[in-house]
C-alpha atoms as a PDB file:
ATOM      1  CA  MET A   1      17.956   4.688  -1.345  1.00  0.00           C
ATOM      2  CA  ALA A   2      14.332   5.659  -0.830  1.00  0.00           C
ATOM      3  CA  THR A   3      12.010   5.609   2.154  1.00  0.00           C
ATOM      4  CA  VAL A   4       8.959   3.444   1.475  1.00  0.00           C
ATOM      5  CA  LEU A   5       5.773   3.525   3.529  1.00  0.00           C
ATOM      6  CA  SER A   6       4.052   0.132   3.234  1.00  0.00           C
ATOM      7  CA  VAL A   7       0.384   0.589   4.159  1.00  0.00           C
ATOM      8  CA  SER A   8      -1.948  -2.319   4.868  1.00  0.00           C
ATOM      9  CA  GLY A   9      -5.574  -1.266   4.628  1.00  0.00           C
ATOM     10  CA  SER A  10      -6.930  -4.507   6.038  1.00  0.00           C
ATOM     11  CA  PRO A  11      -9.003  -4.408   9.226  1.00  0.00           C
ATOM     12  CA  SER A  12      -8.179  -8.060   9.995  1.00  0.00           C
ATOM     13  CA  VAL A  13      -5.523  -9.193  12.481  1.00  0.00           C
ATOM     14  CA  SER A  14      -4.901 -12.347  10.413  1.00  0.00           C
ATOM     15  CA  SER A  15      -4.901 -10.444   7.120  1.00  0.00           C
ATOM     16  CA  ARG A  16      -3.449 -12.062   4.026  1.00  0.00           C
ATOM     17  CA  THR A  17      -3.058  -8.556   2.636  1.00  0.00           C
ATOM     18  CA  ALA A  18      -0.838  -7.445   5.524  1.00  0.00           C
ATOM     19  CA  LYS A  19       1.190 -10.667   5.383  1.00  0.00           C
ATOM     20  CA  LEU A  20       1.701 -10.227   1.655  1.00  0.00           C
ATOM     21  CA  LEU A  21       2.851  -6.632   2.154  1.00  0.00           C
ATOM     22  CA  ARG A  22       5.301  -7.598   4.887  1.00  0.00           C
ATOM     23  CA  HIS A  23       6.606 -10.341   2.552  1.00  0.00           C
ATOM     24  CA  LEU A  24       7.129  -7.778  -0.227  1.00  0.00           C
ATOM     25  CA  ASP A  25       8.692  -5.337   2.252  1.00  0.00           C
ATOM     26  CA  THR A  26      11.613  -7.741   2.650  1.00  0.00           C
ATOM     27  CA  ARG A  27      12.328  -7.549  -1.092  1.00  0.00           C
ATOM     28  CA  LEU A  28      12.263  -3.748  -1.015  1.00  0.00           C
ATOM     29  CA  ALA A  29      14.535  -3.680   2.053  1.00  0.00           C
ATOM     30  CA  ALA A  30      16.947  -6.088   0.341  1.00  0.00           C
ATOM     31  CA  GLN A  31      17.119  -3.589  -2.536  1.00  0.00           C
ATOM     32  CA  GLY A  32      18.345  -0.961  -0.080  1.00  0.00           C
ATOM     33  CA  HIS A  33      15.133   0.910   0.687  1.00  0.00           C
ATOM     34  CA  GLU A  34      14.111   1.898   4.195  1.00  0.00           C
ATOM     35  CA  VAL A  35      10.671   0.308   4.609  1.00  0.00           C
ATOM     36  CA  ILE A  36       8.221   1.533   7.244  1.00  0.00           C
ATOM     37  CA  PRO A  37       5.172  -0.706   7.761  1.00  0.00           C
ATOM     38  CA  LEU A  38       1.835   0.838   8.693  1.00  0.00           C
ATOM     39  CA  ASP A  39      -1.181  -1.338   9.495  1.00  0.00           C
ATOM     40  CA  VAL A  40      -4.153   1.020   9.422  1.00  0.00           C
ATOM     41  CA  ARG A  41      -6.069  -1.321  11.746  1.00  0.00           C
ATOM     42  CA  THR A  42      -3.689  -0.318  14.558  1.00  0.00           C
ATOM     43  CA  ILE A  43      -4.856   3.309  14.431  1.00  0.00           C
ATOM     44  CA  PRO A  44      -7.558   3.835  17.071  1.00  0.00           C
ATOM     45  CA  ALA A  45     -11.047   3.574  15.594  1.00  0.00           C
ATOM     46  CA  GLU A  46     -12.209   6.671  17.465  1.00  0.00           C
ATOM     47  CA  ALA A  47      -9.511   8.714  15.708  1.00  0.00           C
ATOM     48  CA  LEU A  48     -10.366   7.334  12.264  1.00  0.00           C
ATOM     49  CA  LEU A  49     -14.135   7.365  12.521  1.00  0.00           C
ATOM     50  CA  GLY A  50     -14.323  10.573  14.547  1.00  0.00           C
ATOM     51  CA  ALA A  51     -12.106  12.364  12.006  1.00  0.00           C
ATOM     52  CA  ASP A  52      -9.785  13.482  14.790  1.00  0.00           C
ATOM     53  CA  PHE A  53      -7.065  15.179  12.737  1.00  0.00           C
ATOM     54  CA  LYS A  54      -5.176  16.105  15.927  1.00  0.00           C
ATOM     55  CA  HIS A  55      -5.083  12.574  17.391  1.00  0.00           C
ATOM     56  CA  PRO A  56      -1.422  11.549  17.843  1.00  0.00           C
ATOM     57  CA  ALA A  57      -1.889   8.420  15.697  1.00  0.00           C
ATOM     58  CA  ILE A  58      -3.338  10.476  12.822  1.00  0.00           C
ATOM     59  CA  VAL A  59      -0.590  13.082  13.161  1.00  0.00           C
ATOM     60  CA  GLU A  60       2.014  10.289  13.113  1.00  0.00           C
ATOM     61  CA  ALA A  61       0.455   8.624  10.048  1.00  0.00           C
ATOM     62  CA  THR A  62       0.382  11.983   8.244  1.00  0.00           C
ATOM     63  CA  GLU A  63       4.056  12.505   9.066  1.00  0.00           C
ATOM     64  CA  LEU A  64       4.912   9.014   7.765  1.00  0.00           C
ATOM     65  CA  PHE A  65       3.232   9.798   4.440  1.00  0.00           C
ATOM     66  CA  ALA A  66       5.067  13.134   4.257  1.00  0.00           C
ATOM     67  CA  ARG A  67       8.422  11.474   4.952  1.00  0.00           C
ATOM     68  CA  ALA A  68       8.039   8.703   2.367  1.00  0.00           C
ATOM     69  CA  ASP A  69       9.459   8.831  -1.145  1.00  0.00           C
ATOM     70  CA  GLY A  70       7.239   5.950  -2.174  1.00  0.00           C
ATOM     71  CA  VAL A  71       4.092   4.344  -0.839  1.00  0.00           C
ATOM     72  CA  VAL A  72       2.843   0.793  -1.226  1.00  0.00           C
ATOM     73  CA  ILE A  73      -0.912   0.681  -0.619  1.00  0.00           C
ATOM     74  CA  GLY A  74      -2.385  -2.771  -0.056  1.00  0.00           C
ATOM     75  CA  THR A  75      -6.043  -3.496   0.543  1.00  0.00           C
ATOM     76  CA  PRO A  76      -8.505  -6.346   0.432  1.00  0.00           C
ATOM     77  CA  VAL A  77     -11.565  -5.830  -1.756  1.00  0.00           C
ATOM     78  CA  TYR A  78     -14.866  -5.276   0.040  1.00  0.00           C
ATOM     79  CA  LYS A  79     -18.037  -4.515  -1.960  1.00  0.00           C
ATOM     80  CA  ALA A  80     -16.003  -3.943  -5.159  1.00  0.00           C
ATOM     81  CA  ALA A  81     -13.768  -1.286  -3.553  1.00  0.00           C
ATOM     82  CA  TYR A  82     -10.882  -0.829  -1.161  1.00  0.00           C
ATOM     83  CA  SER A  83     -11.466  -1.279   2.566  1.00  0.00           C
ATOM     84  CA  GLY A  84     -13.373   1.227   4.680  1.00  0.00           C
ATOM     85  CA  VAL A  85     -10.560   1.488   7.203  1.00  0.00           C
ATOM     86  CA  LEU A  86      -8.195   2.529   4.400  1.00  0.00           C
ATOM     87  CA  LYS A  87     -10.796   5.029   3.142  1.00  0.00           C
ATOM     88  CA  ALA A  88     -11.079   6.489   6.644  1.00  0.00           C
ATOM     89  CA  LEU A  89      -7.319   7.060   6.814  1.00  0.00           C
ATOM     90  CA  LEU A  90      -7.045   8.494   3.298  1.00  0.00           C
ATOM     91  CA  ASP A  91      -9.860  10.916   4.130  1.00  0.00           C
ATOM     92  CA  LEU A  92      -7.853  12.272   7.084  1.00  0.00           C
ATOM     93  CA  LEU A  93      -4.663  12.869   5.135  1.00  0.00           C
ATOM     94  CA  PRO A  94      -4.013  16.203   3.449  1.00  0.00           C
ATOM     95  CA  GLN A  95      -5.633  16.410  -0.003  1.00  0.00           C
ATOM     96  CA  TYR A  96      -2.292  16.156  -1.783  1.00  0.00           C
ATOM     97  CA  ALA A  97      -0.513  13.806   0.629  1.00  0.00           C
ATOM     98  CA  LEU A  98       0.895  11.775  -2.268  1.00  0.00           C
ATOM     99  CA  THR A  99       2.323  14.714  -4.228  1.00  0.00           C
ATOM    100  CA  GLY A 100       5.749  13.852  -5.581  1.00  0.00           C
ATOM    101  CA  LYS A 101       5.485  10.223  -4.486  1.00  0.00           C
ATOM    102  CA  THR A 102       5.704   6.992  -6.420  1.00  0.00           C
ATOM    103  CA  VAL A 103       2.852   4.652  -5.477  1.00  0.00           C
ATOM    104  CA  LEU A 104       2.375   0.906  -5.875  1.00  0.00           C
ATOM    105  CA  PRO A 105      -1.269  -0.195  -5.467  1.00  0.00           C
ATOM    106  CA  LEU A 106      -1.896  -3.827  -4.471  1.00  0.00           C
ATOM    107  CA  VAL A 107      -5.277  -5.480  -4.007  1.00  0.00           C
ATOM    108  CA  THR A 108      -6.263  -8.893  -2.680  1.00  0.00           C
ATOM    109  CA  GLY A 109      -9.575 -10.637  -3.103  1.00  0.00           C
ATOM    110  CA  GLY A 110     -11.385 -13.930  -3.217  1.00  0.00           C
ATOM    111  CA  SER A 111     -12.422 -13.791  -6.861  1.00  0.00           C
ATOM    112  CA  THR A 112     -11.160 -12.375 -10.132  1.00  0.00           C
ATOM    113  CA  ALA A 113     -14.550 -10.633 -10.326  1.00  0.00           C
ATOM    114  CA  HIS A 114     -12.922  -7.965  -8.119  1.00  0.00           C
ATOM    115  CA  VAL A 115      -9.832  -7.330 -10.235  1.00  0.00           C
ATOM    116  CA  LEU A 116     -11.195  -4.032 -11.564  1.00  0.00           C
ATOM    117  CA  ALA A 117     -11.285  -2.579  -8.031  1.00  0.00           C
ATOM    118  CA  LEU A 118      -7.597  -1.811  -8.522  1.00  0.00           C
ATOM    119  CA  ASP A 119      -8.115   0.520 -11.483  1.00  0.00           C
ATOM    120  CA  TYR A 120     -11.652   1.758 -10.868  1.00  0.00           C
ATOM    121  CA  ALA A 121     -11.705   2.228  -7.091  1.00  0.00           C
ATOM    122  CA  LEU A 122      -8.169   2.529  -5.691  1.00  0.00           C
ATOM    123  CA  ARG A 123      -6.186   4.161  -8.504  1.00  0.00           C
ATOM    124  CA  PRO A 124      -8.524   7.200  -8.874  1.00  0.00           C
ATOM    125  CA  VAL A 125      -8.248   8.152  -5.192  1.00  0.00           C
ATOM    126  CA  LEU A 126      -4.463   7.799  -5.285  1.00  0.00           C
ATOM    127  CA  ASN A 127      -4.378   9.979  -8.384  1.00  0.00           C
ATOM    128  CA  SER A 128      -6.631  12.584  -6.746  1.00  0.00           C
ATOM    129  CA  MET A 129      -4.178  12.771  -3.859  1.00  0.00           C
ATOM    130  CA  GLY A 130      -1.436  13.957  -6.200  1.00  0.00           C
ATOM    131  CA  ALA A 131       0.687  10.845  -6.693  1.00  0.00           C
ATOM    132  CA  ALA A 132       3.552  11.704  -9.043  1.00  0.00           C
ATOM    133  CA  HIS A 133       3.686   8.204 -10.508  1.00  0.00           C
ATOM    134  CA  ILE A 134       1.363   5.271  -9.893  1.00  0.00           C
ATOM    135  CA  VAL A 135       3.161   2.198 -11.172  1.00  0.00           C
ATOM    136  CA  GLN A 136       1.439  -0.910 -12.446  1.00  0.00           C
ATOM    137  CA  GLY A 137      -0.400  -2.491  -9.544  1.00  0.00           C
ATOM    138  CA  TRP A 138      -1.381  -6.085  -8.973  1.00  0.00           C
ATOM    139  CA  PHE A 139      -4.465  -8.029  -7.900  1.00  0.00           C
ATOM    140  CA  THR A 140      -3.712 -11.200  -5.936  1.00  0.00           C
ATOM    141  CA  LEU A 141      -6.231 -13.933  -5.285  1.00  0.00           C
ATOM    142  CA  ASP A 142      -6.519 -14.920  -1.629  1.00  0.00           C
ATOM    143  CA  LYS A 143      -5.951 -18.565  -2.588  1.00  0.00           C
ATOM    144  CA  ASP A 144      -2.499 -17.630  -3.935  1.00  0.00           C
ATOM    145  CA  ILE A 145      -1.361 -16.480  -0.480  1.00  0.00           C
ATOM    146  CA  ILE A 146      -0.803 -19.572   1.660  1.00  0.00           C
ATOM    147  CA  THR A 147      -0.222 -19.000   5.354  1.00  0.00           C
ATOM    148  CA  GLY A 148       2.073 -21.480   7.089  1.00  0.00           C
ATOM    149  CA  GLU A 149       1.772 -22.688  10.671  1.00  0.00           C
ATOM    150  CA  ASP A 150       4.652 -20.373  11.601  1.00  0.00           C
ATOM    151  CA  GLY A 151       2.652 -17.351  10.369  1.00  0.00           C
ATOM    152  CA  GLY A 152       4.851 -16.909   7.306  1.00  0.00           C
ATOM    153  CA  ILE A 153       3.443 -17.053   3.816  1.00  0.00           C
ATOM    154  CA  THR A 154       4.100 -18.792   0.554  1.00  0.00           C
ATOM    155  CA  VAL A 155       2.922 -17.153  -2.637  1.00  0.00           C
ATOM    156  CA  ALA A 156       1.830 -19.266  -5.607  1.00  0.00           C
ATOM    157  CA  PRO A 157       4.673 -19.339  -8.180  1.00  0.00           C
ATOM    158  CA  ALA A 158       2.952 -17.427 -11.019  1.00  0.00           C
ATOM    159  CA  THR A 159       1.715 -14.789  -8.585  1.00  0.00           C
ATOM    160  CA  ALA A 160       5.131 -14.539  -6.922  1.00  0.00           C
ATOM    161  CA  GLU A 161       6.707 -13.924 -10.319  1.00  0.00           C
ATOM    162  CA  ALA A 162       4.186 -11.191 -11.179  1.00  0.00           C
ATOM    163  CA  LEU A 163       4.598  -9.534  -7.778  1.00  0.00           C
ATOM    164  CA  THR A 164       8.381  -9.604  -8.112  1.00  0.00           C
ATOM    165  CA  HIS A 165       7.998  -7.809 -11.436  1.00  0.00           C
ATOM    166  CA  VAL A 166       5.716  -5.035 -10.103  1.00  0.00           C
ATOM    167  CA  VAL A 167       7.792  -4.560  -6.930  1.00  0.00           C
ATOM    168  CA  ASP A 168      10.967  -4.305  -8.998  1.00  0.00           C
ATOM    169  CA  GLN A 169       9.291  -1.763 -11.316  1.00  0.00           C
ATOM    170  CA  PHE A 170       8.270   0.237  -8.247  1.00  0.00           C
ATOM    171  CA  SER A 171      11.813   0.052  -6.870  1.00  0.00           C
ATOM    172  CA  ALA A 172      13.265   1.190 -10.200  1.00  0.00           C
ATOM    173  CA  ALA A 173      10.781   4.088 -10.340  1.00  0.00           C
ATOM    174  CA  LEU A 174      11.868   5.122  -6.843  1.00  0.00           C
ATOM    175  CA  GLY A 175      15.460   5.138  -7.973  1.00  0.00           C
ATOM    176  CA  SER A 176      14.654   7.566 -10.770  1.00  0.00           C
ATOM    177  CA  ALA A 177      12.237   9.743  -8.793  1.00  0.00           C
ATOM    178  CA  PRO A 178      14.920  12.030  -7.302  1.00  0.00           C
ATOM    179  CA  LEU A 179      16.452  12.539 -10.767  1.00  0.00           C
ATOM    180  CA  LEU A 180      13.062  13.484 -12.213  1.00  0.00           C
ATOM    181  CA  ALA A 181      12.350  15.839  -9.316  1.00  0.00           C
ATOM    182  CA  ALA A 182      15.749  17.524  -9.625  1.00  0.00           C
ATOM    183  CA  ALA A 183      15.392  18.003 -13.397  1.00  0.00           C
ATOM    184  CA  GLY A 184      11.952  19.615 -13.078  1.00  0.00           C
END
């Protein structure tokens, strides 16, 4: 099937966003996709903040984006927008790094007051980077992601159902992406 790059834009080691993405990665892998996780927080700060395009970690991240058929972008909301660490990485990628790719945007936050960050902050930058198809994204409240003592997560039932729907739509869009590319 497709190669999916699953990008967590959270700067936190104990990130609900990253845990949610890794949880969703298992569904995509079960559907036959090769899933490559990327936690932006693991890229050295000096490379991100110093805009070191030649740093091996930046070169590797750029190659991962180039290799992917689809990209899941997950971020917590900070100040009504996506995280700064995610912004730093996106700024270092080629302008059209998402050209020809199907993208699933996911946002987490503490309050529904931040739900518009998905469409008014994250979606425009993904569009400007040339994404071929940005599927319906989803905003998940932090309280709907429950971390267990084992580090695993449980997602509130209504949220789990909605996330299953958007992930399955993304997976279906990936399945049709090669057909659309070949016909064009």
